[in-house]
Amino acid sequence: MGVFSTANFVGYLLTVLFAGRIISVLDFRLSIFVGLMTSGLTMLIISKMSDLYTLTALYSLTGIGSGITNISVMGLVTRWFDKTKRGVASGFVVIGSGFSILIAGILVPFINQHYGVDGWRISWAISSAIVLFVAFVSLLLVRNNPQVLGLLPFGESPTKTHNTPTHKEPQSEYMIKRITLHLGIIYFIFGFTYVIYVTFIVTALIKEFGFSEGIAGEFWSWVGISSLLSGPLFGFLSDKIGRKKGIMLVFFIQMFSYLIVSLNLGYQWLYVSIICFGITAWSIPSIMAATVGDFFGSLRSPSIFGYITFIFGIGQVLGPLIGGLIAEWTGGFSTTFLVSAMVVFVGIIITSTLRQPQT
């Protein structure tokens, strides 16, 4: 199962590096359609297969489709929304993944309970049908830019001309690489630390705080519920107070969440930790997508967002690995969460040095 999941992640991670080039050829609308069709069709075939090697290869293709779709959708926000609305728009896009996790968490166990050994096949087939349906809906409804419908980007003043840029892109390759690296490091820190919490918090609740699996699962359900608001809430705040301050605020709340668990302050404080993490859970991806759009505009943003998503993915891989090693060396998870808090503190400092996009 680990190899199966890894294949999907590798397919996704490698694709985000080249998604910008794909979008430059197909543009956003067709890229979204191709990505969804790739994921949907491979999921449908998976529901019919049994050979592990074939399943693994197909699931890597599912990851490729997911990578194309994700970068295309996040990049399209830059064209359709002015920078004053870009954060909250990206936040609402991110909500989709939260809803899908909640729905899958209810639907898949229900199907498995009623259909037994063939339940997983039915679950994959239903998921495939949903993805393919969304693919054709997106082909019908999505447009590459608002101008084709005689509209302005949402939030843009009618007094602006279509030829007036909302920002100036970095002029030199040096500045482009410098800003990309800066954003990549910030995104890496988020990927490294959030995944440690996601991976180990339930185990810590059971082994170190003495909770039953049922109560620990109940705690975790609060993350799922509260996380639905995280993208729009902090995306909206970043529109108002700026991307840099928005990211720093999220990091500060998450640092507080990690510290609470590491210091073992008591049962009630664990709820505070869970809720603090939940309300910020998926906020950084939405703010980061808006930030890339602010700096680089719609032409460059898919490629740049793909690059920093790749760096973010490396953080996701290293987080559980290093966090698990620390837990083994120290005999518990307190130090692991403390290290996460320290890394986030470094992230706050690094974010504070981020320059503002030129306007």
Protein backbone atom coordinates (compact mmCIF):
# COMPACT_ATOMS: atom_id res chain seq x y z
CA MET A 1 0.00 0.00 0.00
CA GLY A 2 2.92 2.31 0.77
CA VAL A 3 4.44 1.73 -2.68
CA PHE A 4 1.03 2.30 -4.26
CA SER A 5 0.57 5.67 -2.55
CA THR A 6 4.17 6.70 -3.19
CA ALA A 7 3.73 6.14 -6.92
CA ASN A 8 0.81 8.57 -6.94
CA PHE A 9 2.78 11.16 -5.01
CA VAL A 10 5.84 10.81 -7.25
CA GLY A 11 3.67 11.21 -10.35
CA TYR A 12 2.10 14.33 -8.87
CA LEU A 13 5.37 15.81 -7.67
CA LEU A 14 7.24 15.36 -10.94
CA THR A 15 4.34 16.73 -12.98
CA VAL A 16 4.07 20.03 -11.10
CA LEU A 17 7.58 20.85 -12.33
CA PHE A 18 6.41 20.71 -15.96
CA ALA A 19 2.79 21.79 -15.55
CA GLY A 20 3.66 25.34 -16.55
CA ARG A 21 4.92 24.15 -19.94
CA ILE A 22 1.79 22.08 -20.46
CA ILE A 23 -0.39 25.09 -19.66
CA SER A 24 1.62 27.28 -22.03
CA VAL A 25 0.65 24.89 -24.85
CA LEU A 26 -2.93 23.98 -23.90
CA ASP A 27 -3.87 27.00 -21.78
CA PHE A 28 -5.80 26.61 -18.53
CA ARG A 29 -9.15 25.27 -19.75
CA LEU A 30 -7.80 22.37 -21.77
CA SER A 31 -5.11 21.63 -19.18
CA ILE A 32 -7.78 21.23 -16.50
CA PHE A 33 -9.80 18.97 -18.80
CA VAL A 34 -6.79 16.82 -19.75
CA GLY A 35 -5.70 16.55 -16.12
CA LEU A 36 -9.13 15.51 -14.87
CA MET A 37 -9.63 13.06 -17.75
CA THR A 38 -6.24 11.48 -17.03
CA SER A 39 -7.10 11.04 -13.35
CA GLY A 40 -10.67 9.90 -13.99
CA LEU A 41 -9.86 7.32 -16.65
CA THR A 42 -6.96 5.81 -14.73
CA MET A 43 -9.15 5.57 -11.62
CA LEU A 44 -11.79 3.76 -13.65
CA ILE A 45 -9.21 1.27 -14.96
CA ILE A 46 -7.84 0.79 -11.44
CA SER A 47 -11.30 -0.27 -10.29
CA LYS A 48 -11.10 -3.19 -12.76
CA MET A 49 -7.49 -4.31 -12.18
CA SER A 50 -5.81 -6.61 -9.65
CA ASP A 51 -2.12 -6.76 -10.56
CA LEU A 52 -0.07 -4.65 -8.14
CA TYR A 53 2.45 -3.43 -10.74
CA THR A 54 -0.30 -2.38 -13.12
CA LEU A 55 -2.19 -0.66 -10.31
CA THR A 56 0.95 1.17 -9.24
CA ALA A 57 1.69 2.40 -12.76
CA LEU A 58 -1.91 3.55 -13.23
CA TYR A 59 -1.96 5.35 -9.89
CA SER A 60 1.18 7.24 -10.86
CA LEU A 61 -0.75 8.45 -13.93
CA THR A 62 -3.57 9.51 -11.61
CA GLY A 63 -1.01 11.62 -9.76
CA ILE A 64 0.13 13.15 -13.04
CA GLY A 65 -3.44 14.17 -13.84
CA SER A 66 -3.87 15.62 -10.36
CA GLY A 67 -0.69 17.67 -10.72
CA ILE A 68 -1.77 19.18 -14.03
CA THR A 69 -5.23 19.99 -12.67
CA ASN A 70 -4.03 21.54 -9.42
CA ILE A 71 -1.50 23.89 -10.97
CA SER A 72 -3.92 24.84 -13.75
CA VAL A 73 -6.78 25.67 -11.38
CA MET A 74 -4.60 27.69 -9.00
CA GLY A 75 -3.03 29.53 -11.92
CA LEU A 76 -6.39 30.34 -13.47
CA VAL A 77 -7.33 32.30 -10.33
CA THR A 78 -4.68 34.88 -11.30
CA ARG A 79 -6.50 35.65 -14.55
CA TRP A 80 -10.01 35.76 -13.16
CA PHE A 81 -9.44 37.71 -9.94
CA ASP A 82 -7.77 41.01 -9.22
CA LYS A 83 -5.03 40.90 -6.60
CA THR A 84 -7.43 42.48 -4.07
CA LYS A 85 -9.63 39.35 -4.27
CA ARG A 86 -7.05 36.72 -5.21
CA GLY A 87 -6.40 35.41 -1.71
CA VAL A 88 -10.01 34.67 -0.82
CA ALA A 89 -10.63 33.21 -4.30
CA SER A 90 -7.70 30.80 -3.90
CA GLY A 91 -9.02 29.97 -0.45
CA PHE A 92 -12.39 28.90 -1.81
CA VAL A 93 -10.61 26.72 -4.39
CA VAL A 94 -8.72 24.98 -1.59
CA ILE A 95 -12.02 24.21 0.20
CA GLY A 96 -12.70 21.59 -2.47
CA SER A 97 -10.03 19.24 -1.16
CA GLY A 98 -11.39 19.55 2.36
CA PHE A 99 -14.91 18.68 1.27
CA SER A 100 -13.69 15.74 -0.80
CA ILE A 101 -11.82 14.31 2.19
CA LEU A 102 -14.91 14.61 4.39
CA ILE A 103 -17.19 13.05 1.75
CA ALA A 104 -14.75 10.21 1.06
CA GLY A 105 -14.43 9.58 4.79
CA ILE A 106 -18.18 8.97 4.94
CA LEU A 107 -18.83 7.36 1.54
CA VAL A 108 -15.95 4.87 1.32
CA PRO A 109 -16.56 3.13 4.69
CA PHE A 110 -20.29 2.96 3.87
CA ILE A 111 -19.59 1.29 0.52
CA ASN A 112 -17.03 -1.11 2.01
CA GLN A 113 -19.49 -2.10 4.74
CA HIS A 114 -22.26 -2.91 2.27
CA TYR A 115 -20.27 -4.45 -0.58
CA GLY A 116 -17.50 -6.25 1.27
CA VAL A 117 -14.48 -7.35 -0.71
CA ASP A 118 -15.58 -5.50 -3.85
CA GLY A 119 -16.23 -2.28 -1.98
CA TRP A 120 -12.91 -0.70 -2.94
CA ARG A 121 -13.63 -1.29 -6.63
CA ILE A 122 -17.02 0.38 -6.38
CA SER A 123 -15.49 3.29 -4.48
CA TRP A 124 -12.89 3.82 -7.19
CA ALA A 125 -15.51 3.56 -9.94
CA ILE A 126 -17.76 6.13 -8.24
CA SER A 127 -14.80 8.45 -7.68
CA SER A 128 -13.87 8.06 -11.32
CA ALA A 129 -17.40 8.93 -12.44
CA ILE A 130 -17.35 12.08 -10.31
CA VAL A 131 -13.98 13.19 -11.70
CA LEU A 132 -15.00 12.54 -15.31
CA PHE A 133 -18.27 14.42 -14.79
CA VAL A 134 -16.38 17.40 -13.39
CA ALA A 135 -13.97 17.21 -16.34
CA PHE A 136 -16.76 17.74 -18.88
CA VAL A 137 -18.47 20.38 -16.73
CA SER A 138 -15.18 22.30 -16.57
CA LEU A 139 -14.77 22.02 -20.33
CA LEU A 140 -18.22 23.54 -20.79
CA LEU A 141 -18.03 26.27 -18.17
CA VAL A 142 -14.39 27.27 -17.64
CA ARG A 143 -12.88 30.04 -19.78
CA ASN A 144 -9.23 30.98 -19.98
CA ASN A 145 -9.86 34.62 -19.09
CA PRO A 146 -12.82 36.90 -18.34
CA GLN A 147 -12.24 39.04 -21.43
CA VAL A 148 -13.66 36.34 -23.72
CA LEU A 149 -16.99 36.94 -21.97
CA GLY A 150 -16.63 40.70 -22.03
CA LEU A 151 -15.82 40.83 -18.30
CA LEU A 152 -13.08 42.25 -16.14
CA PRO A 153 -11.21 40.22 -13.51
CA PHE A 154 -13.37 40.15 -10.39
CA GLY A 155 -12.45 43.04 -8.12
CA GLU A 156 -10.72 45.07 -10.81
CA SER A 157 -11.82 48.66 -11.19
CA PRO A 158 -13.56 49.46 -14.51
CA THR A 159 -11.31 52.54 -14.79
CA LYS A 160 -8.32 50.27 -15.47
CA THR A 161 -7.65 49.48 -19.10
CA HIS A 162 -7.09 45.93 -20.22
CA ASN A 163 -3.52 46.84 -21.07
CA THR A 164 -2.72 48.28 -17.67
CA PRO A 165 -0.90 45.70 -15.56
CA THR A 166 -1.90 45.29 -11.92
CA HIS A 167 1.75 44.78 -11.03
CA LYS A 168 5.21 44.75 -12.50
CA GLU A 169 6.86 41.38 -12.84
CA PRO A 170 10.48 41.05 -11.71
CA GLN A 171 12.58 42.21 -14.66
CA SER A 172 15.75 40.15 -14.26
CA GLU A 173 16.17 36.40 -14.19
CA TYR A 174 18.17 36.87 -11.00
CA MET A 175 15.22 38.50 -9.23
CA ILE A 176 12.81 35.88 -10.55
CA LYS A 177 15.00 33.06 -9.21
CA ARG A 178 15.59 34.87 -5.92
CA ILE A 179 11.89 35.45 -5.25
CA THR A 180 11.02 31.90 -6.37
CA LEU A 181 13.61 30.44 -3.98
CA HIS A 182 12.37 32.66 -1.15
CA LEU A 183 8.78 31.54 -1.68
CA GLY A 184 9.93 27.94 -2.07
CA ILE A 185 11.70 27.96 1.30
CA ILE A 186 8.60 29.36 3.00
CA TYR A 187 6.43 26.73 1.33
CA PHE A 188 8.93 24.00 2.26
CA ILE A 189 8.70 25.00 5.93
CA PHE A 190 4.92 24.73 5.82
CA GLY A 191 5.08 21.33 4.11
CA PHE A 192 7.70 20.04 6.53
CA THR A 193 5.88 21.10 9.71
CA TYR A 194 2.19 20.68 8.93
CA VAL A 195 2.67 17.09 7.77
CA ILE A 196 4.43 16.22 11.03
CA TYR A 197 1.34 17.33 12.93
CA VAL A 198 -1.01 15.53 10.56
CA THR A 199 1.06 12.33 10.69
CA PHE A 200 1.71 12.05 14.42
CA ILE A 201 -0.98 13.93 16.36
CA VAL A 202 -3.48 11.04 16.57
CA THR A 203 -0.74 8.59 17.58
CA ALA A 204 0.47 11.06 20.21
CA LEU A 205 -3.06 11.47 21.58
CA ILE A 206 -3.35 7.72 21.99
CA LYS A 207 0.13 6.79 23.20
CA GLU A 208 1.16 9.86 25.21
CA PHE A 209 -2.14 11.31 26.40
CA GLY A 210 -3.95 8.00 26.95
CA PHE A 211 -6.90 8.65 24.67
CA SER A 212 -8.87 5.82 23.10
CA GLU A 213 -8.86 5.57 19.32
CA GLY A 214 -12.47 6.74 19.25
CA ILE A 215 -11.81 9.90 21.26
CA ALA A 216 -8.61 10.61 19.31
CA GLY A 217 -10.60 10.29 16.08
CA GLU A 218 -13.19 12.67 17.50
CA PHE A 219 -10.44 15.19 18.19
CA TRP A 220 -9.18 14.82 14.64
CA SER A 221 -12.66 15.35 13.21
CA TRP A 222 -12.49 18.89 14.59
CA VAL A 223 -9.54 19.49 12.28
CA GLY A 224 -11.61 18.43 9.27
CA ILE A 225 -14.53 20.66 10.22
CA SER A 226 -12.52 23.76 11.15
CA SER A 227 -10.17 23.40 8.17
CA LEU A 228 -12.99 24.14 5.72
CA LEU A 229 -12.79 27.81 6.66
CA SER A 230 -9.01 28.04 6.71
CA GLY A 231 -8.42 28.88 3.04
CA PRO A 232 -11.09 31.58 2.58
CA LEU A 233 -10.53 33.09 6.04
CA PHE A 234 -6.80 33.65 5.78
CA GLY A 235 -6.96 34.26 2.04
CA PHE A 236 -9.35 37.11 2.81
CA LEU A 237 -7.04 38.41 5.55
CA SER A 238 -4.08 38.30 3.17
CA ASP A 239 -6.07 40.42 0.70
CA LYS A 240 -6.55 43.00 3.45
CA ILE A 241 -3.26 42.99 5.40
CA GLY A 242 -0.89 41.68 2.73
CA ARG A 243 0.51 38.27 1.82
CA LYS A 244 3.58 38.55 4.05
CA LYS A 245 1.60 39.42 7.18
CA GLY A 246 -0.98 36.77 6.33
CA ILE A 247 1.64 34.02 6.10
CA MET A 248 3.33 35.23 9.30
CA LEU A 249 -0.01 35.17 11.14
CA VAL A 250 -0.72 31.61 10.00
CA PHE A 251 2.78 30.49 11.02
CA PHE A 252 2.38 32.11 14.45
CA ILE A 253 -0.93 30.29 15.09
CA GLN A 254 0.51 26.99 13.93
CA MET A 255 3.62 27.47 16.08
CA PHE A 256 1.34 28.01 19.07
CA SER A 257 -0.56 24.83 18.15
CA TYR A 258 2.62 22.75 18.03
CA LEU A 259 3.96 24.21 21.28
CA ILE A 260 0.77 23.31 23.15
CA VAL A 261 1.15 19.63 22.26
CA SER A 262 4.88 19.59 22.99
CA LEU A 263 4.44 21.13 26.47
CA ASN A 264 1.61 18.76 27.52
CA LEU A 265 -0.49 21.48 29.13
CA GLY A 266 -3.53 19.33 29.69
CA TYR A 267 -6.66 17.90 28.08
CA GLN A 268 -8.43 21.22 27.47
CA TRP A 269 -5.42 22.75 25.78
CA LEU A 270 -5.38 19.93 23.25
CA TYR A 271 -8.68 21.22 21.90
CA VAL A 272 -7.03 24.63 21.50
CA SER A 273 -4.15 23.03 19.60
CA ILE A 274 -6.48 21.07 17.32
CA ILE A 275 -8.66 24.09 16.53
CA CYS A 276 -5.65 26.39 15.98
CA PHE A 277 -4.25 23.92 13.52
CA GLY A 278 -7.61 23.32 11.87
CA ILE A 279 -8.44 26.97 11.19
CA THR A 280 -5.04 27.43 9.53
CA ALA A 281 -4.62 23.96 7.98
CA TRP A 282 -4.94 24.72 4.26
CA SER A 283 -4.44 28.49 4.37
CA ILE A 284 -0.80 28.65 3.26
CA PRO A 285 -1.45 27.03 -0.17
CA SER A 286 -4.15 29.59 -0.94
CA ILE A 287 -2.03 32.54 0.21
CA MET A 288 1.00 31.17 -1.65
CA ALA A 289 -0.96 30.83 -4.90
CA ALA A 290 -2.13 34.43 -4.55
CA THR A 291 1.41 35.57 -3.71
CA VAL A 292 2.84 33.94 -6.83
CA GLY A 293 0.12 35.60 -8.90
CA ASP A 294 0.93 38.99 -7.36
CA PHE A 295 4.62 38.65 -8.15
CA PHE A 296 4.59 36.96 -11.54
CA GLY A 297 1.19 37.43 -13.19
CA SER A 298 -0.81 34.87 -15.13
CA LEU A 299 1.88 33.99 -17.68
CA ARG A 300 4.63 32.97 -15.27
CA SER A 301 2.62 31.97 -12.21
CA PRO A 302 1.78 28.36 -13.24
CA SER A 303 5.46 27.51 -13.74
CA ILE A 304 6.58 29.30 -10.58
CA PHE A 305 3.78 27.79 -8.50
CA GLY A 306 4.74 24.38 -9.89
CA TYR A 307 8.37 24.86 -8.83
CA ILE A 308 7.53 25.90 -5.27
CA THR A 309 4.93 23.11 -5.02
CA PHE A 310 7.73 20.67 -5.85
CA ILE A 311 9.80 22.14 -3.01
CA PHE A 312 6.73 21.96 -0.76
CA GLY A 313 6.42 18.28 -1.66
CA ILE A 314 10.01 17.63 -0.59
CA GLY A 315 9.08 19.09 2.80
CA GLN A 316 6.11 16.72 2.96
CA VAL A 317 8.44 13.78 2.37
CA LEU A 318 11.12 14.84 4.86
CA GLY A 319 8.74 15.91 7.65
CA PRO A 320 7.44 12.47 8.71
CA LEU A 321 10.88 10.91 8.14
CA ILE A 322 12.75 13.33 10.39
CA GLY A 323 9.86 13.66 12.83
CA GLY A 324 9.70 9.88 13.20
CA LEU A 325 13.44 9.64 13.79
CA ILE A 326 13.27 12.31 16.49
CA ALA A 327 10.40 10.44 18.16
CA GLU A 328 12.44 7.22 18.14
CA TRP A 329 15.55 8.92 19.54
CA THR A 330 13.65 10.71 22.32
CA GLY A 331 11.06 8.03 23.08
CA GLY A 332 8.08 10.32 22.48
CA PHE A 333 6.53 12.99 20.28
CA SER A 334 6.97 16.06 22.49
CA THR A 335 10.37 16.91 21.03
CA THR A 336 9.08 16.27 17.52
CA PHE A 337 6.35 18.88 17.94
CA LEU A 338 8.80 21.23 19.66
CA VAL A 339 11.16 20.99 16.68
CA SER A 340 8.19 21.73 14.38
CA ALA A 341 7.43 24.86 16.40
CA MET A 342 11.07 25.97 16.17
CA VAL A 343 11.14 25.43 12.40
CA VAL A 344 7.93 27.47 12.03
CA PHE A 345 9.55 30.24 14.08
CA VAL A 346 12.39 30.28 11.56
CA GLY A 347 9.70 30.44 8.87
CA ILE A 348 8.25 33.56 10.48
CA ILE A 349 11.66 35.24 10.36
CA ILE A 350 12.24 34.23 6.74
CA THR A 351 8.76 35.41 5.74
CA SER A 352 9.36 38.78 7.40
CA THR A 353 12.12 39.45 4.86
CA LEU A 354 9.87 38.79 1.85
CA ARG A 355 9.71 41.82 -0.40
CA GLN A 356 6.40 43.28 -1.52
CA PRO A 357 5.33 42.87 -5.17
CA GLN A 358 5.82 45.99 -7.25
CA THR A 359 2.57 47.79 -7.99
